[in-house]
Protein backbone atom coordinates (compact mmCIF):
# COMPACT_ATOMS: atom_id res chain seq x y z
CA MET A 1 15.31 24.49 -13.85
CA ILE A 2 16.27 20.85 -13.84
CA ALA A 3 17.83 18.57 -16.64
CA ILE A 4 17.98 14.88 -16.60
CA LEU A 5 21.10 13.87 -18.11
CA GLY A 6 20.46 10.38 -19.73
CA THR A 7 16.59 10.11 -19.48
CA GLY A 8 16.40 6.48 -19.96
CA LYS A 9 14.07 3.89 -17.51
CA MET A 10 14.91 5.54 -14.32
CA GLY A 11 15.27 8.78 -15.32
CA GLU A 12 12.02 8.96 -17.09
CA ALA A 13 10.07 7.44 -14.01
CA LEU A 14 11.90 10.51 -12.47
CA LEU A 15 10.83 13.10 -14.64
CA SER A 16 7.36 11.85 -14.55
CA GLY A 17 7.76 11.52 -11.01
CA LEU A 18 9.07 15.39 -11.02
CA LEU A 19 6.14 16.25 -13.05
CA ARG A 20 2.96 14.30 -10.71
CA ALA A 21 4.73 16.49 -8.08
CA GLY A 22 3.44 19.80 -9.57
CA PHE A 23 6.87 20.36 -12.00
CA LYS A 24 5.76 22.42 -14.90
CA PRO A 25 6.90 20.74 -18.10
CA GLY A 26 8.72 24.11 -19.36
CA ASP A 27 10.55 23.18 -15.45
CA ILE A 28 12.13 20.26 -16.45
CA MET A 29 15.12 19.10 -19.19
CA ALA A 30 16.33 15.90 -20.44
CA THR A 31 18.78 14.92 -22.55
CA THR A 32 18.72 11.41 -24.56
CA ARG A 33 21.61 9.71 -26.97
CA ARG A 34 18.73 8.86 -29.88
CA ALA A 35 16.41 11.17 -31.78
CA GLU A 36 13.40 9.26 -31.85
CA ARG A 37 13.69 8.87 -27.83
CA ALA A 38 14.01 12.56 -27.42
CA GLU A 39 10.51 13.05 -29.65
CA ALA A 40 9.05 10.31 -27.51
CA LEU A 41 9.85 12.24 -24.45
CA ARG A 42 8.44 15.65 -25.81
CA GLU A 43 5.80 14.14 -27.19
CA THR A 44 4.36 12.53 -24.15
CA TYR A 45 5.66 14.91 -21.38
CA GLY A 46 5.97 18.55 -22.98
CA VAL A 47 9.36 18.62 -21.53
CA ARG A 48 12.22 20.57 -23.77
CA THR A 49 15.08 17.93 -24.84
CA VAL A 50 18.63 19.24 -25.52
CA SER A 51 22.09 18.58 -25.79
CA ASN A 52 24.19 17.26 -22.31
CA ALA A 53 26.07 20.36 -23.17
CA GLU A 54 23.17 22.64 -22.93
CA ALA A 55 21.70 21.42 -20.03
CA ALA A 56 24.84 21.48 -18.11
CA LYS A 57 25.08 25.63 -18.61
CA ALA A 58 21.19 26.07 -18.19
CA ALA A 59 19.81 24.06 -15.60
CA ASP A 60 20.27 25.12 -12.08
CA THR A 61 20.13 21.06 -10.74
CA LEU A 62 21.58 18.43 -12.79
CA ILE A 63 20.42 14.85 -12.13
CA LEU A 64 23.01 12.46 -13.91
CA ALA A 65 21.12 9.43 -14.82
CA VAL A 66 23.39 7.53 -17.52
CA LYS A 67 24.47 4.01 -16.80
CA PRO A 68 27.75 3.76 -14.82
CA GLN A 69 29.64 2.62 -17.65
CA ASP A 70 28.98 5.92 -19.46
CA MET A 71 29.39 8.18 -16.29
CA GLY A 72 32.93 8.86 -17.19
CA THR A 73 32.20 10.25 -21.09
CA LEU A 74 29.41 12.32 -19.71
CA LEU A 75 31.52 13.83 -17.08
CA ALA A 76 34.09 14.97 -19.61
CA GLU A 77 31.66 16.30 -21.44
CA ILE A 78 29.69 18.86 -19.58
CA ALA A 79 32.87 19.38 -17.11
CA PRO A 80 33.45 22.93 -18.86
CA TYR A 81 29.88 24.19 -18.73
CA VAL A 82 29.49 23.32 -14.64
CA PRO A 83 30.05 25.95 -12.11
CA ALA A 84 31.12 25.69 -8.46
CA GLU A 85 27.43 26.23 -7.72
CA ARG A 86 25.81 23.87 -9.96
CA LEU A 87 23.83 21.18 -8.05
CA VAL A 88 24.61 17.49 -9.31
CA ILE A 89 22.84 14.81 -8.42
CA SER A 90 23.99 11.68 -9.74
CA ALA A 91 21.98 8.42 -9.83
CA ALA A 92 24.55 5.99 -11.19
CA ALA A 93 25.10 2.62 -9.62
CA GLY A 94 28.82 2.67 -7.62
CA ILE A 95 29.67 5.91 -8.96
CA THR A 96 30.79 7.60 -5.62
CA THR A 97 30.51 11.57 -5.12
CA ALA A 98 35.05 11.56 -5.53
CA PHE A 99 34.20 10.18 -9.07
CA VAL A 100 32.26 12.91 -9.98
CA GLU A 101 34.06 15.64 -8.05
CA GLN A 102 37.44 14.85 -9.97
CA ARG A 103 36.15 14.80 -13.06
CA LEU A 104 34.36 18.09 -12.94
CA GLY A 105 36.88 19.60 -11.96
CA VAL A 106 35.85 22.20 -9.31
CA GLU A 107 34.04 22.15 -5.61
CA VAL A 108 30.83 21.21 -7.25
CA PRO A 109 28.44 19.47 -4.55
CA VAL A 110 27.17 16.10 -5.37
CA VAL A 111 24.48 14.14 -3.73
CA ARG A 112 24.73 10.29 -4.29
CA VAL A 113 21.66 8.81 -5.21
CA MET A 114 20.26 5.33 -5.29
CA SER A 115 16.40 4.50 -6.16
CA ASN A 116 14.56 2.11 -7.59
CA THR A 117 11.93 1.30 -9.88
CA PRO A 118 8.63 1.94 -7.84
CA ILE A 119 9.73 5.20 -8.20
CA ARG A 120 6.96 5.22 -11.27
CA PHE A 121 4.35 4.97 -8.69
CA ASP A 122 5.39 7.28 -6.31
CA GLU A 123 6.47 4.39 -3.86
CA ALA A 124 10.18 4.75 -4.55
CA MET A 125 13.01 3.79 -2.30
CA SER A 126 15.55 6.50 -2.50
CA VAL A 127 18.89 6.57 -0.20
CA ILE A 128 21.02 9.49 -0.85
CA SER A 129 24.58 10.93 0.78
CA ALA A 130 26.18 14.09 0.15
CA GLY A 131 29.75 14.40 -1.43
CA ALA A 132 32.66 16.52 -0.35
CA TYR A 133 31.31 19.91 -1.14
CA ALA A 134 27.30 19.42 -0.45
CA GLY A 135 25.60 20.66 2.57
CA GLU A 136 22.64 20.63 4.09
CA GLU A 137 20.80 22.62 2.02
CA HIS A 138 21.50 20.12 -1.11
CA LEU A 139 20.72 17.30 1.17
CA LYS A 140 17.47 19.10 1.27
CA LEU A 141 17.11 20.40 -2.00
CA THR A 142 17.38 16.17 -2.78
CA GLU A 143 14.99 15.17 -0.39
CA GLY A 144 12.78 17.74 -2.08
CA LEU A 145 12.83 16.22 -5.26
CA LEU A 146 12.41 12.69 -4.64
CA LYS A 147 10.28 12.88 -1.44
CA PRO A 148 6.85 13.03 -3.90
CA VAL A 149 7.61 10.02 -5.63
CA GLY A 150 8.56 7.57 -2.51
CA LYS A 151 10.72 7.37 0.72
CA VAL A 152 14.48 9.40 0.92
CA LEU A 153 16.80 8.10 3.65
CA ARG A 154 19.96 9.67 4.04
CA ILE A 155 22.99 6.83 4.66
CA PRO A 156 27.31 7.50 4.74
CA GLU A 157 28.17 7.20 1.31
CA SER A 158 30.05 4.20 2.58
CA GLN A 159 26.61 1.86 2.52
CA GLN A 160 25.62 3.08 -1.52
CA ASP A 161 27.27 0.14 -2.70
CA ALA A 162 24.72 -2.21 0.07
CA ALA A 163 22.02 0.17 -0.35
CA THR A 164 21.86 -0.45 -4.44
CA ALA A 165 22.24 -4.49 -3.87
CA LEU A 166 19.13 -4.04 -0.75
CA SER A 167 16.75 -1.80 -2.69
CA GLY A 168 18.30 -0.89 -6.07
CA SER A 169 17.81 -4.13 -7.05
CA GLY A 170 15.02 -5.30 -4.31
CA PRO A 171 12.16 -5.13 -6.88
CA ALA A 172 13.93 -7.90 -8.69
CA TYR A 173 13.94 -10.05 -6.06
CA PHE A 174 10.58 -9.55 -5.20
CA PHE A 175 9.13 -10.45 -8.76
CA TYR A 176 11.35 -13.47 -8.89
CA LEU A 177 9.80 -14.85 -5.73
CA VAL A 178 6.26 -13.74 -7.01
CA GLU A 179 7.21 -16.05 -10.07
CA ALA A 180 8.14 -18.72 -8.31
CA MET A 181 5.16 -18.39 -5.95
CA VAL A 182 2.57 -18.27 -9.16
CA ASP A 183 4.16 -21.36 -10.49
CA ALA A 184 4.05 -23.17 -7.56
CA GLY A 185 0.07 -22.43 -7.58
CA ILE A 186 0.13 -23.87 -11.15
CA LEU A 187 1.67 -26.65 -9.93
CA LEU A 188 -0.68 -26.99 -7.26
CA GLY A 189 -3.77 -26.75 -10.23
CA MET A 190 -4.49 -23.08 -10.05
CA PRO A 191 -4.89 -21.16 -12.84
CA ARG A 192 -2.42 -18.92 -13.74
CA ALA A 193 -4.37 -15.65 -13.32
CA ALA A 194 -5.66 -16.71 -9.72
CA ALA A 195 -2.46 -17.77 -8.74
CA LEU A 196 -0.87 -14.34 -9.78
CA ASP A 197 -4.05 -12.46 -7.97
CA MET A 198 -3.47 -14.77 -4.15
CA VAL A 199 0.12 -14.15 -4.69
CA THR A 200 0.05 -10.02 -5.49
CA GLN A 201 -2.53 -9.34 -2.96
CA SER A 202 -0.90 -11.37 -0.23
CA ILE A 203 2.40 -10.16 -0.56
CA VAL A 204 0.89 -6.22 -1.20
CA GLY A 205 -0.97 -7.07 2.34
CA ALA A 206 1.86 -8.34 3.81
CA ALA A 207 4.36 -5.53 2.77
CA VAL A 208 1.24 -3.12 4.34
CA MET A 209 0.80 -4.94 7.57
CA LEU A 210 4.79 -4.87 8.13
CA ARG A 211 5.40 -1.00 7.25
CA ASP A 212 2.25 0.19 9.06
CA SER A 213 2.37 -2.12 12.44
CA GLY A 214 6.14 -1.57 13.19
CA GLU A 215 6.46 -5.11 14.49
CA HIS A 216 9.74 -6.78 13.49
CA PRO A 217 8.90 -9.12 10.21
CA VAL A 218 10.09 -11.91 12.50
CA ILE A 219 7.33 -11.43 15.12
CA LEU A 220 4.68 -10.94 12.11
CA ARG A 221 6.12 -13.92 10.41
CA GLU A 222 5.32 -16.57 13.91
CA ALA A 223 2.20 -14.78 14.42
CA VAL A 224 1.21 -16.83 10.97
CA THR A 225 3.17 -19.76 12.08
CA SER A 226 1.21 -22.64 13.93
CA PRO A 227 3.14 -25.48 15.74
CA GLY A 228 2.70 -28.48 13.39
CA GLY A 229 0.70 -26.37 10.91
CA THR A 230 1.08 -25.90 6.80
CA THR A 231 3.30 -22.63 7.23
CA ILE A 232 6.40 -24.22 9.62
CA ALA A 233 6.31 -26.95 7.23
CA ALA A 234 7.00 -24.76 3.96
CA ILE A 235 9.55 -22.80 6.26
CA ALA A 236 11.40 -25.86 6.96
CA GLU A 237 11.77 -26.59 3.07
CA LEU A 238 12.97 -23.39 2.65
CA GLU A 239 15.69 -23.40 4.92
CA ARG A 240 16.55 -27.05 3.99
CA HIS A 241 17.21 -25.60 0.32
CA SER A 242 18.96 -22.87 1.72
CA VAL A 243 16.93 -20.07 0.67
CA ARG A 244 18.21 -17.34 3.33
CA ALA A 245 22.07 -18.29 2.71
CA ALA A 246 20.96 -17.76 -0.98
CA PHE A 247 19.03 -14.13 -0.67
CA LEU A 248 22.66 -13.23 1.43
CA ALA A 249 24.65 -14.51 -1.57
CA ALA A 250 22.35 -12.87 -3.92
CA ILE A 251 22.19 -9.40 -2.28
CA GLU A 252 26.75 -9.73 -1.98
CA ALA A 253 27.10 -10.44 -5.27
CA ALA A 254 24.73 -7.06 -6.36
CA ARG A 255 26.82 -4.98 -4.77
CA ASP A 256 30.12 -6.50 -5.79
CA ARG A 257 28.65 -6.31 -9.20
CA GLY A 258 28.12 -2.95 -8.43
CA ARG A 259 31.48 -1.64 -7.71
CA GLN A 260 32.75 -3.66 -11.02
CA LEU A 261 30.44 -1.44 -13.38
CA ALA A 262 31.49 1.58 -11.07
CA SER A 263 35.59 0.55 -11.81
CA GLY A 264 35.12 0.34 -15.89
């Protein structure tokens, strides 16, 4: 039995992914703050909605998907009901495995996870790290839950805040870039729908090319960049406006904000 505690957008995306992967509605419980949200989950997915305490008592695996600032309260609520053998998967940005372990008060295996919103389309990037009491079997179990909805990578926990900033928030950077490119197309006289189609397919094609070719992005970019051509003129403008430096600073700021949220 799996319980998702805090079934918001990301929790729901994981819930739907587990069902697509072959889990039965009876295998999954969900918790929410609001009664109307619980009713919507029952009607849409057929899963049981219970209290946090009930979920902690009954489930073999607990997935903690609440906001970072709510994690302390949740852990205090469920701590009396979590035995040492329970697998706890924490999916809240910035929350360390030590934070969870200390508040549960037992040597519980904790695996820290950061995923992202393409989980809704089985294209998530999920990174996982083991806590002090989690072993290979716990990492494999976590991978088994996440692999049906995307790619899973093991990393040291010291890299989790960076991963949150890079891939957890990454889809938003992508959408921001698409928005800017579409606006550029409109500026050049293209209808919005046509501009969106062109930009979307160009970026999807480029992403698949990058993933499947095995080539470094610099090599792929250079293949499009002819001497004295249109692409190098555009790249020169991006460099003039320090777009690369802006991305570095933005992702660093996202990492720092994740740490702030976790510290309260």
